[in-house]
Amino acid sequence: LSGAVGLLRLPDFFCRLHGAGVIDTLGAGLVILAMLF
C-alpha cells in the first residue's frame, strides 16, 4: 500500500519503475512468506 502511494508521487518513469520493483520484491515476498506459514 505504501509503495502504491509512492508510485503516484514519484516524478518520472524510472523512479516509478524502481518503486514498482521494490513493491514487487519486498511486499510480495512478505505475502508469499505469510502464505508459506
Full PDB file with SEQRES, HELIX, SHEET, SSBOND, CRYST1, ORIGX, SCALE, CONECT and MASTER records, all heavy atoms in Angstrom:
SEQRES   1 A   37  LEU SER GLY ALA VAL GLY LEU LEU ARG LEU PRO ASP PHE          
SEQRES   2 A   37  PHE CYS ARG LEU HIS GLY ALA GLY VAL ILE ASP THR LEU          
SEQRES   3 A   37  GLY ALA GLY LEU VAL ILE LEU ALA MET LEU PHE                  
HELIX    1 AA1 SER A    2  ARG A    9  1                                   8    
HELIX    2 AA2 PHE A   13  VAL A   22  1                                  10    
HELIX    3 AA3 ILE A   23  GLY A   27  3                                   5    
HELIX    4 AA4 ALA A   28  LEU A   36  1                                   9    
CRYST1    1.000    1.000    1.000  90.00  90.00  90.00 P 1           1          
ORIGX1      1.000000  0.000000  0.000000        0.00000                         
ORIGX2      0.000000  1.000000  0.000000        0.00000                         
ORIGX3      0.000000  0.000000  1.000000        0.00000                         
SCALE1      1.000000  0.000000  0.000000        0.00000                         
SCALE2      0.000000  1.000000  0.000000        0.00000                         
SCALE3      0.000000  0.000000  1.000000        0.00000                         
ATOM      1  N   LEU A   1       0.819  -1.204   0.000  1.00  0.00           N  
ATOM      2  CA  LEU A   1       0.000   0.000   0.000  1.00  0.00           C  
ATOM      3  C   LEU A   1       0.858   1.261   0.000  1.00  0.00           C  
ATOM      4  O   LEU A   1       0.602   2.199  -0.758  1.00  0.00           O  
ATOM      5  CB  LEU A   1      -0.935   0.004   1.206  1.00  0.00           C  
ATOM      6  CG  LEU A   1      -1.886   1.193   1.321  1.00  0.00           C  
ATOM      7  CD1 LEU A   1      -2.845   1.196   0.149  1.00  0.00           C  
ATOM      8  CD2 LEU A   1      -2.633   1.146   2.629  1.00  0.00           C  
ATOM      9  N   SER A   2       1.893   1.284   0.820  1.00  0.00           N  
ATOM     10  CA  SER A   2       2.766   2.467   0.839  1.00  0.00           C  
ATOM     11  C   SER A   2       3.527   2.603  -0.480  1.00  0.00           C  
ATOM     12  O   SER A   2       3.765   3.713  -0.954  1.00  0.00           O  
ATOM     13  CB  SER A   2       3.742   2.397   2.010  1.00  0.00           C  
ATOM     14  OG  SER A   2       4.650   1.342   1.842  1.00  0.00           O  
ATOM     15  N   GLY A   3       3.894   1.503  -1.082  1.00  0.00           N  
ATOM     16  CA  GLY A   3       4.550   1.556  -2.381  1.00  0.00           C  
ATOM     17  C   GLY A   3       3.627   2.043  -3.474  1.00  0.00           C  
ATOM     18  O   GLY A   3       4.049   2.758  -4.385  1.00  0.00           O  
ATOM     19  N   ALA A   4       2.351   1.679  -3.394  1.00  0.00           N  
ATOM     20  CA  ALA A   4       1.386   2.152  -4.387  1.00  0.00           C  
ATOM     21  C   ALA A   4       1.188   3.656  -4.273  1.00  0.00           C  
ATOM     22  O   ALA A   4       1.084   4.358  -5.287  1.00  0.00           O  
ATOM     23  CB  ALA A   4       0.062   1.422  -4.216  1.00  0.00           C  
ATOM     24  N   VAL A   5       1.168   4.170  -3.060  1.00  0.00           N  
ATOM     25  CA  VAL A   5       1.083   5.620  -2.871  1.00  0.00           C  
ATOM     26  C   VAL A   5       2.348   6.282  -3.408  1.00  0.00           C  
ATOM     27  O   VAL A   5       2.295   7.339  -4.037  1.00  0.00           O  
ATOM     28  CB  VAL A   5       0.860   5.962  -1.378  1.00  0.00           C  
ATOM     29  CG1 VAL A   5       1.009   7.446  -1.115  1.00  0.00           C  
ATOM     30  CG2 VAL A   5      -0.509   5.481  -0.927  1.00  0.00           C  
ATOM     31  N   GLY A   6       3.483   5.661  -3.183  1.00  0.00           N  
ATOM     32  CA  GLY A   6       4.738   6.183  -3.698  1.00  0.00           C  
ATOM     33  C   GLY A   6       4.769   6.217  -5.215  1.00  0.00           C  
ATOM     34  O   GLY A   6       5.339   7.134  -5.806  1.00  0.00           O  
ATOM     35  N   LEU A   7       4.171   5.235  -5.853  1.00  0.00           N  
ATOM     36  CA  LEU A   7       4.121   5.230  -7.321  1.00  0.00           C  
ATOM     37  C   LEU A   7       3.357   6.426  -7.861  1.00  0.00           C  
ATOM     38  O   LEU A   7       3.677   6.952  -8.920  1.00  0.00           O  
ATOM     39  CB  LEU A   7       3.465   3.945  -7.832  1.00  0.00           C  
ATOM     40  CG  LEU A   7       4.313   2.695  -7.785  1.00  0.00           C  
ATOM     41  CD1 LEU A   7       3.522   1.509  -8.302  1.00  0.00           C  
ATOM     42  CD2 LEU A   7       5.565   2.861  -8.588  1.00  0.00           C  
ATOM     43  N   LEU A   8       2.351   6.856  -7.129  1.00  0.00           N  
ATOM     44  CA  LEU A   8       1.593   8.024  -7.570  1.00  0.00           C  
ATOM     45  C   LEU A   8       2.378   9.318  -7.371  1.00  0.00           C  
ATOM     46  O   LEU A   8       2.165  10.289  -8.082  1.00  0.00           O  
ATOM     47  CB  LEU A   8       0.272   8.101  -6.801  1.00  0.00           C  
ATOM     48  CG  LEU A   8      -0.698   6.955  -7.040  1.00  0.00           C  
ATOM     49  CD1 LEU A   8      -1.889   7.069  -6.113  1.00  0.00           C  
ATOM     50  CD2 LEU A   8      -1.138   6.923  -8.482  1.00  0.00           C  
ATOM     51  N   ARG A   9       3.293   9.333  -6.423  1.00  0.00           N  
ATOM     52  CA  ARG A   9       4.003  10.561  -6.086  1.00  0.00           C  
ATOM     53  C   ARG A   9       5.369  10.702  -6.751  1.00  0.00           C  
ATOM     54  O   ARG A   9       5.926  11.796  -6.767  1.00  0.00           O  
ATOM     55  CB  ARG A   9       4.178  10.635  -4.578  1.00  0.00           C  
ATOM     56  CG  ARG A   9       2.854  10.705  -3.835  1.00  0.00           C  
ATOM     57  CD  ARG A   9       3.085  10.915  -2.398  1.00  0.00           C  
ATOM     58  NE  ARG A   9       3.956  12.073  -2.218  1.00  0.00           N  
ATOM     59  CZ  ARG A   9       3.653  13.139  -1.509  1.00  0.00           C  
ATOM     60  NH1 ARG A   9       2.503  13.185  -0.905  1.00  0.00           N  
ATOM     61  NH2 ARG A   9       4.507  14.133  -1.378  1.00  0.00           N  
ATOM     62  N   LEU A  10       5.926   9.633  -7.248  1.00  0.00           N  
ATOM     63  CA  LEU A  10       7.266   9.706  -7.841  1.00  0.00           C  
ATOM     64  C   LEU A  10       7.232  10.463  -9.166  1.00  0.00           C  
ATOM     65  O   LEU A  10       6.257  10.386  -9.909  1.00  0.00           O  
ATOM     66  CB  LEU A  10       7.839   8.304  -8.022  1.00  0.00           C  
ATOM     67  CG  LEU A  10       8.203   7.609  -6.714  1.00  0.00           C  
ATOM     68  CD1 LEU A  10       8.576   6.166  -6.965  1.00  0.00           C  
ATOM     69  CD2 LEU A  10       9.324   8.324  -6.010  1.00  0.00           C  
ATOM     70  N   PRO A  11       8.319  11.196  -9.490  1.00  0.00           N  
ATOM     71  CA  PRO A  11       8.255  12.153 -10.598  1.00  0.00           C  
ATOM     72  C   PRO A  11       8.344  11.575 -12.008  1.00  0.00           C  
ATOM     73  O   PRO A  11       7.689  12.083 -12.911  1.00  0.00           O  
ATOM     74  CB  PRO A  11       9.455  13.072 -10.339  1.00  0.00           C  
ATOM     75  CG  PRO A  11      10.408  12.249  -9.568  1.00  0.00           C  
ATOM     76  CD  PRO A  11       9.573  11.313  -8.747  1.00  0.00           C  
ATOM     77  N   ASP A  12       9.141  10.550 -12.247  1.00  0.00           N  
ATOM     78  CA  ASP A  12       9.312  10.101 -13.627  1.00  0.00           C  
ATOM     79  C   ASP A  12       9.232   8.587 -13.717  1.00  0.00           C  
ATOM     80  O   ASP A  12       9.085   7.882 -12.729  1.00  0.00           O  
ATOM     81  CB  ASP A  12      10.618  10.626 -14.232  1.00  0.00           C  
ATOM     82  CG  ASP A  12      11.848  10.097 -13.526  1.00  0.00           C  
ATOM     83  OD1 ASP A  12      11.712   9.510 -12.447  1.00  0.00           O  
ATOM     84  OD2 ASP A  12      12.958  10.274 -14.058  1.00  0.00           O  
ATOM     85  N   PHE A  13       9.322   8.107 -14.958  1.00  0.00           N  
ATOM     86  CA  PHE A  13       9.139   6.682 -15.238  1.00  0.00           C  
ATOM     87  C   PHE A  13      10.152   5.811 -14.508  1.00  0.00           C  
ATOM     88  O   PHE A  13       9.802   4.770 -13.961  1.00  0.00           O  
ATOM     89  CB  PHE A  13       9.234   6.446 -16.753  1.00  0.00           C  
ATOM     90  CG  PHE A  13       9.204   5.005 -17.136  1.00  0.00           C  
ATOM     91  CD1 PHE A  13       8.021   4.302 -17.113  1.00  0.00           C  
ATOM     92  CD2 PHE A  13      10.367   4.352 -17.495  1.00  0.00           C  
ATOM     93  CE1 PHE A  13       7.988   2.960 -17.453  1.00  0.00           C  
ATOM     94  CE2 PHE A  13      10.350   3.016 -17.840  1.00  0.00           C  
ATOM     95  CZ  PHE A  13       9.152   2.321 -17.813  1.00  0.00           C  
ATOM     96  N   PHE A  14      11.398   6.235 -14.495  1.00  0.00           N  
ATOM     97  CA  PHE A  14      12.446   5.393 -13.920  1.00  0.00           C  
ATOM     98  C   PHE A  14      12.327   5.295 -12.400  1.00  0.00           C  
ATOM     99  O   PHE A  14      12.577   4.249 -11.825  1.00  0.00           O  
ATOM    100  CB  PHE A  14      13.818   5.905 -14.349  1.00  0.00           C  
ATOM    101  CG  PHE A  14      14.026   5.810 -15.827  1.00  0.00           C  
ATOM    102  CD1 PHE A  14      13.913   6.924 -16.632  1.00  0.00           C  
ATOM    103  CD2 PHE A  14      14.293   4.586 -16.417  1.00  0.00           C  
ATOM    104  CE1 PHE A  14      14.086   6.828 -17.995  1.00  0.00           C  
ATOM    105  CE2 PHE A  14      14.464   4.474 -17.780  1.00  0.00           C  
ATOM    106  CZ  PHE A  14      14.355   5.600 -18.572  1.00  0.00           C  
ATOM    107  N   CYS A  15      11.931   6.390 -11.759  1.00  0.00           N  
ATOM    108  CA  CYS A  15      11.688   6.329 -10.313  1.00  0.00           C  
ATOM    109  C   CYS A  15      10.495   5.431 -10.002  1.00  0.00           C  
ATOM    110  O   CYS A  15      10.511   4.654  -9.057  1.00  0.00           O  
ATOM    111  CB  CYS A  15      11.441   7.729  -9.759  1.00  0.00           C  
ATOM    112  SG  CYS A  15      12.894   8.759  -9.721  1.00  0.00           S  
ATOM    113  N   ARG A  16       9.460   5.554 -10.808  1.00  0.00           N  
ATOM    114  CA  ARG A  16       8.280   4.701 -10.612  1.00  0.00           C  
ATOM    115  C   ARG A  16       8.610   3.234 -10.855  1.00  0.00           C  
ATOM    116  O   ARG A  16       8.105   2.350 -10.165  1.00  0.00           O  
ATOM    117  CB  ARG A  16       7.162   5.145 -11.533  1.00  0.00           C  
ATOM    118  CG  ARG A  16       6.582   6.466 -11.136  1.00  0.00           C  
ATOM    119  CD  ARG A  16       5.479   6.892 -12.066  1.00  0.00           C  
ATOM    120  NE  ARG A  16       5.017   8.210 -11.661  1.00  0.00           N  
ATOM    121  CZ  ARG A  16       4.573   9.121 -12.485  1.00  0.00           C  
ATOM    122  NH1 ARG A  16       4.509   8.852 -13.778  1.00  0.00           N  
ATOM    123  NH2 ARG A  16       4.178  10.279 -12.044  1.00  0.00           N  
ATOM    124  N   LEU A  17       9.470   2.984 -11.821  1.00  0.00           N  
ATOM    125  CA  LEU A  17       9.883   1.615 -12.105  1.00  0.00           C  
ATOM    126  C   LEU A  17      10.647   1.027 -10.927  1.00  0.00           C  
ATOM    127  O   LEU A  17      10.450  -0.134 -10.564  1.00  0.00           O  
ATOM    128  CB  LEU A  17      10.728   1.578 -13.378  1.00  0.00           C  
ATOM    129  CG  LEU A  17      11.136   0.215 -13.893  1.00  0.00           C  
ATOM    130  CD1 LEU A  17       9.908  -0.595 -14.277  1.00  0.00           C  
ATOM    131  CD2 LEU A  17      12.044   0.376 -15.089  1.00  0.00           C  
ATOM    132  N   HIS A  18      11.504   1.833 -10.314  1.00  0.00           N  
ATOM    133  CA  HIS A  18      12.233   1.374  -9.134  1.00  0.00           C  
ATOM    134  C   HIS A  18      11.264   1.099  -7.985  1.00  0.00           C  
ATOM    135  O   HIS A  18      11.381   0.082  -7.296  1.00  0.00           O  
ATOM    136  CB  HIS A  18      13.258   2.417  -8.714  1.00  0.00           C  
ATOM    137  CG  HIS A  18      13.927   2.089  -7.425  1.00  0.00           C  
ATOM    138  ND1 HIS A  18      14.822   1.051  -7.287  1.00  0.00           N  
ATOM    139  CD2 HIS A  18      13.818   2.656  -6.200  1.00  0.00           C  
ATOM    140  CE1 HIS A  18      15.232   0.997  -6.039  1.00  0.00           C  
ATOM    141  NE2 HIS A  18      14.635   1.953  -5.358  1.00  0.00           N  
ATOM    142  N   GLY A  19      10.295   1.990  -7.791  1.00  0.00           N  
ATOM    143  CA  GLY A  19       9.302   1.781  -6.741  1.00  0.00           C  
ATOM    144  C   GLY A  19       8.481   0.517  -6.968  1.00  0.00           C  
ATOM    145  O   GLY A  19       8.184  -0.224  -6.030  1.00  0.00           O  
ATOM    146  N   ALA A  20       8.124   0.271  -8.209  1.00  0.00           N  
ATOM    147  CA  ALA A  20       7.364  -0.941  -8.519  1.00  0.00           C  
ATOM    148  C   ALA A  20       8.189  -2.195  -8.261  1.00  0.00           C  
ATOM    149  O   ALA A  20       7.665  -3.212  -7.799  1.00  0.00           O  
ATOM    150  CB  ALA A  20       6.898  -0.902  -9.967  1.00  0.00           C  
ATOM    151  N   GLY A  21       9.479  -2.125  -8.545  1.00  0.00           N  
ATOM    152  CA  GLY A  21      10.344  -3.275  -8.272  1.00  0.00           C  
ATOM    153  C   GLY A  21      10.469  -3.564  -6.793  1.00  0.00           C  
ATOM    154  O   GLY A  21      10.482  -4.718  -6.364  1.00  0.00           O  
ATOM    155  N   VAL A  22      10.548  -2.504  -5.984  1.00  0.00           N  
ATOM    156  CA  VAL A  22      10.627  -2.687  -4.535  1.00  0.00           C  
ATOM    157  C   VAL A  22       9.329  -3.276  -4.001  1.00  0.00           C  
ATOM    158  O   VAL A  22       9.330  -4.181  -3.157  1.00  0.00           O  
ATOM    159  CB  VAL A  22      10.968  -1.350  -3.842  1.00  0.00           C  
ATOM    160  CG1 VAL A  22      10.800  -1.451  -2.348  1.00  0.00           C  
ATOM    161  CG2 VAL A  22      12.380  -0.931  -4.200  1.00  0.00           C  
ATOM    162  N   ILE A  23       8.211  -2.757  -4.497  1.00  0.00           N  
ATOM    163  CA  ILE A  23       6.916  -3.301  -4.074  1.00  0.00           C  
ATOM    164  C   ILE A  23       6.838  -4.776  -4.436  1.00  0.00           C  
ATOM    165  O   ILE A  23       6.403  -5.611  -3.643  1.00  0.00           O  
ATOM    166  CB  ILE A  23       5.756  -2.554  -4.756  1.00  0.00           C  
ATOM    167  CG1 ILE A  23       5.648  -1.140  -4.243  1.00  0.00           C  
ATOM    168  CG2 ILE A  23       4.448  -3.276  -4.539  1.00  0.00           C  
ATOM    169  CD1 ILE A  23       4.681  -0.301  -5.041  1.00  0.00           C  
ATOM    170  N   ASP A  24       7.266  -5.079  -5.639  1.00  0.00           N  
ATOM    171  CA  ASP A  24       7.142  -6.443  -6.134  1.00  0.00           C  
ATOM    172  C   ASP A  24       7.993  -7.412  -5.321  1.00  0.00           C  
ATOM    173  O   ASP A  24       7.549  -8.509  -5.003  1.00  0.00           O  
ATOM    174  CB  ASP A  24       7.545  -6.475  -7.604  1.00  0.00           C  
ATOM    175  CG  ASP A  24       7.086  -7.728  -8.301  1.00  0.00           C  
ATOM    176  OD1 ASP A  24       6.127  -8.343  -7.823  1.00  0.00           O  
ATOM    177  OD2 ASP A  24       7.674  -8.076  -9.321  1.00  0.00           O  
ATOM    178  N   THR A  25       9.203  -7.015  -4.977  1.00  0.00           N  
ATOM    179  CA  THR A  25      10.068  -7.959  -4.269  1.00  0.00           C  
ATOM    180  C   THR A  25       9.795  -7.988  -2.773  1.00  0.00           C  
ATOM    181  O   THR A  25       9.620  -9.057  -2.196  1.00  0.00           O  
ATOM    182  CB  THR A  25      11.545  -7.645  -4.520  1.00  0.00           C  
ATOM    183  OG1 THR A  25      11.796  -6.290  -4.194  1.00  0.00           O  
ATOM    184  CG2 THR A  25      11.914  -7.898  -5.953  1.00  0.00           C  
ATOM    185  N   LEU A  26       9.741  -6.829  -2.132  1.00  0.00           N  
ATOM    186  CA  LEU A  26       9.578  -6.822  -0.675  1.00  0.00           C  
ATOM    187  C   LEU A  26       8.146  -7.136  -0.263  1.00  0.00           C  
ATOM    188  O   LEU A  26       7.909  -8.024   0.565  1.00  0.00           O  
ATOM    189  CB  LEU A  26      10.005  -5.473  -0.102  1.00  0.00           C  
ATOM    190  CG  LEU A  26       9.923  -5.339   1.416  1.00  0.00           C  
ATOM    191  CD1 LEU A  26      10.858  -6.344   2.075  1.00  0.00           C  
ATOM    192  CD2 LEU A  26      10.256  -3.941   1.855  1.00  0.00           C  
ATOM    193  N   GLY A  27       7.191  -6.426  -0.831  1.00  0.00           N  
ATOM    194  CA  GLY A  27       5.792  -6.632  -0.444  1.00  0.00           C  
ATOM    195  C   GLY A  27       5.278  -8.013  -0.802  1.00  0.00           C  
ATOM    196  O   GLY A  27       4.704  -8.720   0.032  1.00  0.00           O  
ATOM    197  N   ALA A  28       5.501  -8.405  -2.035  1.00  0.00           N  
ATOM    198  CA  ALA A  28       5.040  -9.732  -2.450  1.00  0.00           C  
ATOM    199  C   ALA A  28       5.838 -10.829  -1.760  1.00  0.00           C  
ATOM    200  O   ALA A  28       5.305 -11.901  -1.479  1.00  0.00           O  
ATOM    201  CB  ALA A  28       5.141  -9.872  -3.961  1.00  0.00           C  
ATOM    202  N   GLY A  29       7.113 -10.562  -1.470  1.00  0.00           N  
ATOM    203  CA  GLY A  29       7.912 -11.547  -0.731  1.00  0.00           C  
ATOM    204  C   GLY A  29       7.363 -11.794   0.669  1.00  0.00           C  
ATOM    205  O   GLY A  29       7.315 -12.934   1.135  1.00  0.00           O  
ATOM    206  N   LEU A  30       6.944 -10.717   1.337  1.00  0.00           N  
ATOM    207  CA  LEU A  30       6.343 -10.884   2.665  1.00  0.00           C  
ATOM    208  C   LEU A  30       5.010 -11.618   2.588  1.00  0.00           C  
ATOM    209  O   LEU A  30       4.699 -12.452   3.449  1.00  0.00           O  
ATOM    210  CB  LEU A  30       6.170  -9.521   3.334  1.00  0.00           C  
ATOM    211  CG  LEU A  30       7.449  -8.862   3.831  1.00  0.00           C  
ATOM    212  CD1 LEU A  30       7.176  -7.431   4.267  1.00  0.00           C  
ATOM    213  CD2 LEU A  30       8.058  -9.656   4.963  1.00  0.00           C  
ATOM    214  N   VAL A  31       4.231 -11.309   1.568  1.00  0.00           N  
ATOM    215  CA  VAL A  31       2.944 -12.010   1.407  1.00  0.00           C  
ATOM    216  C   VAL A  31       3.185 -13.492   1.104  1.00  0.00           C  
ATOM    217  O   VAL A  31       2.494 -14.366   1.646  1.00  0.00           O  
ATOM    218  CB  VAL A  31       2.102 -11.328   0.302  1.00  0.00           C  
ATOM    219  CG1 VAL A  31       0.883 -12.158  -0.053  1.00  0.00           C  
ATOM    220  CG2 VAL A  31       1.689  -9.941   0.750  1.00  0.00           C  
ATOM    221  N   ILE A  32       4.174 -13.786   0.292  1.00  0.00           N  
ATOM    222  CA  ILE A  32       4.485 -15.185  -0.017  1.00  0.00           C  
ATOM    223  C   ILE A  32       5.001 -15.905   1.230  1.00  0.00           C  
ATOM    224  O   ILE A  32       4.650 -17.059   1.477  1.00  0.00           O  
ATOM    225  CB  ILE A  32       5.482 -15.262  -1.187  1.00  0.00           C  
ATOM    226  CG1 ILE A  32       4.738 -14.958  -2.483  1.00  0.00           C  
ATOM    227  CG2 ILE A  32       6.155 -16.620  -1.273  1.00  0.00           C  
ATOM    228  CD1 ILE A  32       5.605 -14.885  -3.688  1.00  0.00           C  
ATOM    229  N   LEU A  33       5.814 -15.227   2.022  1.00  0.00           N  
ATOM    230  CA  LEU A  33       6.281 -15.823   3.276  1.00  0.00           C  
ATOM    231  C   LEU A  33       5.113 -16.087   4.226  1.00  0.00           C  
ATOM    232  O   LEU A  33       5.071 -17.121   4.895  1.00  0.00           O  
ATOM    233  CB  LEU A  33       7.319 -14.915   3.924  1.00  0.00           C  
ATOM    234  CG  LEU A  33       8.082 -15.479   5.106  1.00  0.00           C  
ATOM    235  CD1 LEU A  33       8.872 -16.713   4.690  1.00  0.00           C  
ATOM    236  CD2 LEU A  33       9.004 -14.423   5.680  1.00  0.00           C  
ATOM    237  N   ALA A  34       4.149 -15.167   4.255  1.00  0.00           N  
ATOM    238  CA  ALA A  34       2.954 -15.380   5.071  1.00  0.00           C  
ATOM    239  C   ALA A  34       2.162 -16.587   4.577  1.00  0.00           C  
ATOM    240  O   ALA A  34       1.670 -17.403   5.385  1.00  0.00           O  
ATOM    241  CB  ALA A  34       2.074 -14.135   5.055  1.00  0.00           C  
ATOM    242  N   MET A  35       2.039 -16.717   3.259  1.00  0.00           N  
ATOM    243  CA  MET A  35       1.325 -17.874   2.718  1.00  0.00           C  
ATOM    244  C   MET A  35       2.056 -19.170   3.032  1.00  0.00           C  
ATOM    245  O   MET A  35       1.435 -20.216   3.208  1.00  0.00           O  
ATOM    246  CB  MET A  35       1.139 -17.724   1.201  1.00  0.00           C  
ATOM    247  CG  MET A  35       0.165 -16.648   0.841  1.00  0.00           C  
ATOM    248  SD  MET A  35      -0.307 -16.511  -0.900  1.00  0.00           S  
ATOM    249  CE  MET A  35       1.115 -16.961  -1.803  1.00  0.00           C  
ATOM    250  N   LEU A  36       3.370 -19.091   3.121  1.00  0.00           N  
ATOM    251  CA  LEU A  36       4.156 -20.268   3.490  1.00  0.00           C  
ATOM    252  C   LEU A  36       3.829 -20.703   4.914  1.00  0.00           C  
ATOM    253  O   LEU A  36       3.690 -21.893   5.195  1.00  0.00           O  
ATOM    254  CB  LEU A  36       5.644 -19.959   3.336  1.00  0.00           C  
ATOM    255  CG  LEU A  36       6.616 -21.106   3.398  1.00  0.00           C  
ATOM    256  CD1 LEU A  36       6.350 -22.083   2.265  1.00  0.00           C  
ATOM    257  CD2 LEU A  36       8.035 -20.592   3.323  1.00  0.00           C  
ATOM    258  N   PHE A  37       3.716 -19.736   5.823  1.00  0.00           N  
ATOM    259  CA  PHE A  37       3.347 -20.067   7.199  1.00  0.00           C  
ATOM    260  C   PHE A  37       1.908 -20.554   7.309  1.00  0.00           C  
ATOM    261  O   PHE A  37       1.593 -21.381   8.165  1.00  0.00           O  
ATOM    262  CB  PHE A  37       3.528 -18.848   8.114  1.00  0.00           C  
ATOM    263  CG  PHE A  37       4.920 -18.659   8.597  1.00  0.00           C  
ATOM    264  CD1 PHE A  37       5.716 -17.676   8.058  1.00  0.00           C  
ATOM    265  CD2 PHE A  37       5.437 -19.467   9.597  1.00  0.00           C  
ATOM    266  CE1 PHE A  37       7.011 -17.492   8.496  1.00  0.00           C  
ATOM    267  CE2 PHE A  37       6.730 -19.299  10.043  1.00  0.00           C  
ATOM    268  CZ  PHE A  37       7.523 -18.305   9.495  1.00  0.00           C  
TER     269      PHE A  37                                                      
MASTER        0    0    0    4    0    0    0    6  268    1    0    3          
END                                                                             
